[in-house]
C-alpha atoms as a PDB file:
ATOM      1  CA  MET A   1       0.006  -0.159   0.048  1.00  0.00           C
ATOM      2  CA  ARG A   2       2.770   2.375   0.782  1.00  0.00           C
ATOM      3  CA  TRP A   3       4.424   1.811  -2.669  1.00  0.00           C
ATOM      4  CA  LEU A   4       1.064   2.634  -4.203  1.00  0.00           C
ATOM      5  CA  GLU A   5       0.696   5.810  -2.312  1.00  0.00           C
ATOM      6  CA  LYS A   6       4.257   6.858  -3.171  1.00  0.00           C
ATOM      7  CA  SER A   7       3.531   5.979  -6.802  1.00  0.00           C
ATOM      8  CA  TYR A   8       0.401   8.134  -6.854  1.00  0.00           C
ATOM      9  CA  ALA A   9       2.291  11.114  -5.049  1.00  0.00           C
ATOM     10  CA  ARG A  10       5.051  10.987  -7.808  1.00  0.00           C
ATOM     11  CA  VAL A  11       2.657  10.816 -10.657  1.00  0.00           C
ATOM     12  CA  LEU A  12       0.753  13.829  -9.313  1.00  0.00           C
ATOM     13  CA  SER A  13       3.996  15.825  -8.795  1.00  0.00           C
ATOM     14  CA  LEU A  14       5.078  14.981 -12.235  1.00  0.00           C
ATOM     15  CA  PHE A  15       1.614  15.881 -13.742  1.00  0.00           C
ATOM     16  CA  LYS A  16       1.766  19.232 -11.857  1.00  0.00           C
ATOM     17  CA  SER A  17       5.292  19.994 -12.997  1.00  0.00           C
ATOM     18  CA  GLU A  18       4.580  19.291 -16.626  1.00  0.00           C
ATOM     19  CA  LEU A  19       1.435  21.537 -16.605  1.00  0.00           C
ATOM     20  CA  THR A  20       3.659  24.271 -14.981  1.00  0.00           C
ATOM     21  CA  GLU A  21       6.801  24.107 -16.861  1.00  0.00           C
ATOM     22  CA  LYS A  22       5.886  22.899 -20.127  1.00  0.00           C
ATOM     23  CA  PHE A  23       2.378  24.594 -20.710  1.00  0.00           C
ATOM     24  CA  SER A  24       2.984  27.704 -18.411  1.00  0.00           C
ATOM     25  CA  LEU A  25      -0.152  27.202 -16.383  1.00  0.00           C
ATOM     26  CA  LYS A  26      -0.808  29.116 -13.183  1.00  0.00           C
ATOM     27  CA  PRO A  27      -1.670  27.364  -9.931  1.00  0.00           C
ATOM     28  CA  ASP A  28      -5.280  27.964 -10.219  1.00  0.00           C
ATOM     29  CA  GLU A  29      -5.243  26.451 -13.888  1.00  0.00           C
ATOM     30  CA  VAL A  30      -3.497  23.349 -12.605  1.00  0.00           C
ATOM     31  CA  GLU A  31      -6.154  22.799  -9.971  1.00  0.00           C
ATOM     32  CA  ILE A  32      -8.678  22.992 -12.649  1.00  0.00           C
ATOM     33  CA  CYS A  33      -6.803  20.285 -14.711  1.00  0.00           C
ATOM     34  CA  LEU A  34      -6.513  18.171 -11.665  1.00  0.00           C
ATOM     35  CA  GLY A  35     -10.217  18.346 -11.239  1.00  0.00           C
ATOM     36  CA  LEU A  36     -10.973  17.442 -14.726  1.00  0.00           C
ATOM     37  CA  ALA A  37      -8.324  14.627 -14.663  1.00  0.00           C
ATOM     38  CA  THR A  38      -9.891  13.116 -11.557  1.00  0.00           C
ATOM     39  CA  LYS A  39     -13.603  13.491 -12.468  1.00  0.00           C
ATOM     40  CA  ASP A  40     -15.652  10.521 -13.260  1.00  0.00           C
ATOM     41  CA  LEU A  41     -16.075  10.611 -16.959  1.00  0.00           C
ATOM     42  CA  SER A  42     -18.731   7.845 -16.922  1.00  0.00           C
ATOM     43  CA  GLY A  43     -21.416   9.965 -15.451  1.00  0.00           C
ATOM     44  CA  SER A  44     -24.331  11.475 -17.291  1.00  0.00           C
ATOM     45  CA  ASP A  45     -23.323  14.902 -16.639  1.00  0.00           C
ATOM     46  CA  LEU A  46     -20.177  14.934 -18.813  1.00  0.00           C
ATOM     47  CA  PHE A  47     -21.538  17.347 -21.444  1.00  0.00           C
ATOM     48  CA  SER A  48     -24.014  19.239 -19.133  1.00  0.00           C
ATOM     49  CA  GLN A  49     -21.613  22.153 -18.815  1.00  0.00           C
ATOM     50  CA  LEU A  50     -20.867  22.690 -22.524  1.00  0.00           C
ATOM     51  CA  SER A  51     -22.659  25.447 -24.492  1.00  0.00           C
ATOM     52  CA  ALA A  52     -23.085  25.802 -28.181  1.00  0.00           C
ATOM     53  CA  GLY A  53     -22.292  29.447 -28.367  1.00  0.00           C
END
């Protein structure tokens, strides 16, 4: 279990670094990306926030 927790922490750290350094995202933008990356995409509300305009 410890190994898995450390692995998750490492992946999260690398993901944040990549977004910050490679894509020049600000901390609040990184948090939005994390929210999207961890959101359950199988739910029925996947497209509810999209607009046609």
